[in-house]
Amino acid sequence: MDYRHEWKHEINYSDLLCIRQRLRAVTEPDPHAKDGKYLIRSLYFDNIFDKALREKVDGVNMREKFRIRYYNGDYMG
């Protein structure tokens, strides 16, 4: 099983404009986005021993995460 690894890097506003322009040349806007954005809400679950939280804090690389996520106010209710 492959696990993802994230690298986060802060960029300045001029970098944002440059990256955005370059991406527009090779991609199309997502038709599901509203005004170019998603409103995302996530609900995370853990067990009574806070296993997921403890593994995250302890830096465990291979851990499970359980969540419900919905976009743009859509939900099943």
C-alpha atoms as a PDB file:
ATOM      1  CA  MET A   1       0.000   0.000   0.000  1.00  0.00           C
ATOM      2  CA  ASP A   2       1.319   3.439  -0.915  1.00  0.00           C
ATOM      3  CA  TYR A   3       1.084   6.236   1.598  1.00  0.00           C
ATOM      4  CA  ARG A   4       1.126   9.869   0.622  1.00  0.00           C
ATOM      5  CA  HIS A   5       3.709  12.297   1.817  1.00  0.00           C
ATOM      6  CA  GLU A   6       3.092  16.031   1.832  1.00  0.00           C
ATOM      7  CA  TRP A   7       5.548  18.870   1.512  1.00  0.00           C
ATOM      8  CA  LYS A   8       4.140  22.289   2.316  1.00  0.00           C
ATOM      9  CA  HIS A   9       5.794  25.409   1.069  1.00  0.00           C
ATOM     10  CA  GLU A  10       4.679  28.987   1.598  1.00  0.00           C
ATOM     11  CA  ILE A  11       4.726  31.166  -1.518  1.00  0.00           C
ATOM     12  CA  ASN A  12       4.393  34.892  -1.994  1.00  0.00           C
ATOM     13  CA  TYR A  13       1.678  36.605  -4.026  1.00  0.00           C
ATOM     14  CA  SER A  14       3.766  37.037  -7.199  1.00  0.00           C
ATOM     15  CA  ASP A  15       4.591  33.293  -7.148  1.00  0.00           C
ATOM     16  CA  LEU A  16       0.868  32.574  -6.813  1.00  0.00           C
ATOM     17  CA  LEU A  17       0.092  34.654  -9.898  1.00  0.00           C
ATOM     18  CA  CYS A  18       2.852  32.978 -11.900  1.00  0.00           C
ATOM     19  CA  ILE A  19       1.806  29.434 -10.916  1.00  0.00           C
ATOM     20  CA  ARG A  20      -1.856  30.201 -11.570  1.00  0.00           C
ATOM     21  CA  GLN A  21      -1.068  31.520 -15.067  1.00  0.00           C
ATOM     22  CA  ARG A  22       1.049  28.495 -15.939  1.00  0.00           C
ATOM     23  CA  LEU A  23      -1.610  26.065 -14.725  1.00  0.00           C
ATOM     24  CA  ARG A  24      -4.304  27.813 -16.805  1.00  0.00           C
ATOM     25  CA  ALA A  25      -2.266  26.955 -19.909  1.00  0.00           C
ATOM     26  CA  VAL A  26      -2.481  23.199 -19.261  1.00  0.00           C
ATOM     27  CA  THR A  27      -5.639  22.675 -17.166  1.00  0.00           C
ATOM     28  CA  GLU A  28      -9.330  23.513 -17.183  1.00  0.00           C
ATOM     29  CA  PRO A  29     -11.378  24.892 -14.272  1.00  0.00           C
ATOM     30  CA  ASP A  30     -13.243  22.293 -12.222  1.00  0.00           C
ATOM     31  CA  PRO A  31     -16.932  22.567 -13.193  1.00  0.00           C
ATOM     32  CA  HIS A  32     -17.974  21.535  -9.660  1.00  0.00           C
ATOM     33  CA  ALA A  33     -16.198  24.439  -7.968  1.00  0.00           C
ATOM     34  CA  LYS A  34     -18.220  27.508  -7.046  1.00  0.00           C
ATOM     35  CA  ASP A  35     -16.430  30.739  -7.928  1.00  0.00           C
ATOM     36  CA  GLY A  36     -13.284  28.654  -8.384  1.00  0.00           C
ATOM     37  CA  LYS A  37     -13.435  27.304  -4.828  1.00  0.00           C
ATOM     38  CA  TYR A  38     -14.737  24.444  -2.716  1.00  0.00           C
ATOM     39  CA  LEU A  39     -16.224  24.791   0.740  1.00  0.00           C
ATOM     40  CA  ILE A  40     -14.938  21.652   2.476  1.00  0.00           C
ATOM     41  CA  ARG A  41     -16.061  20.355   5.863  1.00  0.00           C
ATOM     42  CA  SER A  42     -14.524  17.303   7.507  1.00  0.00           C
ATOM     43  CA  LEU A  43     -15.568  15.358  10.581  1.00  0.00           C
ATOM     44  CA  TYR A  44     -12.811  13.137  12.007  1.00  0.00           C
ATOM     45  CA  PHE A  45     -13.366  10.117  14.230  1.00  0.00           C
ATOM     46  CA  ASP A  46     -11.205   8.489  16.877  1.00  0.00           C
ATOM     47  CA  ASN A  47     -11.628   5.697  19.420  1.00  0.00           C
ATOM     48  CA  ILE A  48     -12.097   6.108  23.180  1.00  0.00           C
ATOM     49  CA  PHE A  49      -8.317   5.935  23.672  1.00  0.00           C
ATOM     50  CA  ASP A  50      -7.599   8.768  21.182  1.00  0.00           C
ATOM     51  CA  LYS A  51      -5.491   6.379  19.094  1.00  0.00           C
ATOM     52  CA  ALA A  52      -5.566   8.509  15.916  1.00  0.00           C
ATOM     53  CA  LEU A  53      -4.655  11.676  17.811  1.00  0.00           C
ATOM     54  CA  ARG A  54      -1.832  10.002  19.717  1.00  0.00           C
ATOM     55  CA  GLU A  55      -0.363   8.446  16.553  1.00  0.00           C
ATOM     56  CA  LYS A  56      -0.471  11.838  14.812  1.00  0.00           C
ATOM     57  CA  VAL A  57       1.245  13.598  17.737  1.00  0.00           C
ATOM     58  CA  ASP A  58       3.822  10.798  18.041  1.00  0.00           C
ATOM     59  CA  GLY A  59       4.673  11.019  14.332  1.00  0.00           C
ATOM     60  CA  VAL A  60       3.552   7.520  13.370  1.00  0.00           C
ATOM     61  CA  ASN A  61       3.923   7.352   9.580  1.00  0.00           C
ATOM     62  CA  MET A  62       1.604   4.462   8.777  1.00  0.00           C
ATOM     63  CA  ARG A  63      -1.653   5.251  10.539  1.00  0.00           C
ATOM     64  CA  GLU A  64      -5.354   5.162   9.744  1.00  0.00           C
ATOM     65  CA  LYS A  65      -7.617   8.186   9.586  1.00  0.00           C
ATOM     66  CA  PHE A  66     -11.402   8.003   9.501  1.00  0.00           C
ATOM     67  CA  ARG A  67     -13.428  10.965   8.332  1.00  0.00           C
ATOM     68  CA  ILE A  68     -16.613  12.111   6.678  1.00  0.00           C
ATOM     69  CA  ARG A  69     -16.108  14.966   4.235  1.00  0.00           C
ATOM     70  CA  TYR A  70     -18.598  17.025   2.276  1.00  0.00           C
ATOM     71  CA  TYR A  71     -18.209  19.799  -0.249  1.00  0.00           C
ATOM     72  CA  ASN A  72     -20.072  23.061  -0.956  1.00  0.00           C
ATOM     73  CA  GLY A  73     -22.732  22.470   1.690  1.00  0.00           C
ATOM     74  CA  ASP A  74     -23.911  19.188   0.150  1.00  0.00           C
ATOM     75  CA  TYR A  75     -24.653  16.512   2.679  1.00  0.00           C
ATOM     76  CA  MET A  76     -26.799  13.481   3.164  1.00  0.00           C
ATOM     77  CA  GLY A  77     -29.278  14.194   5.884  1.00  0.00           C
END
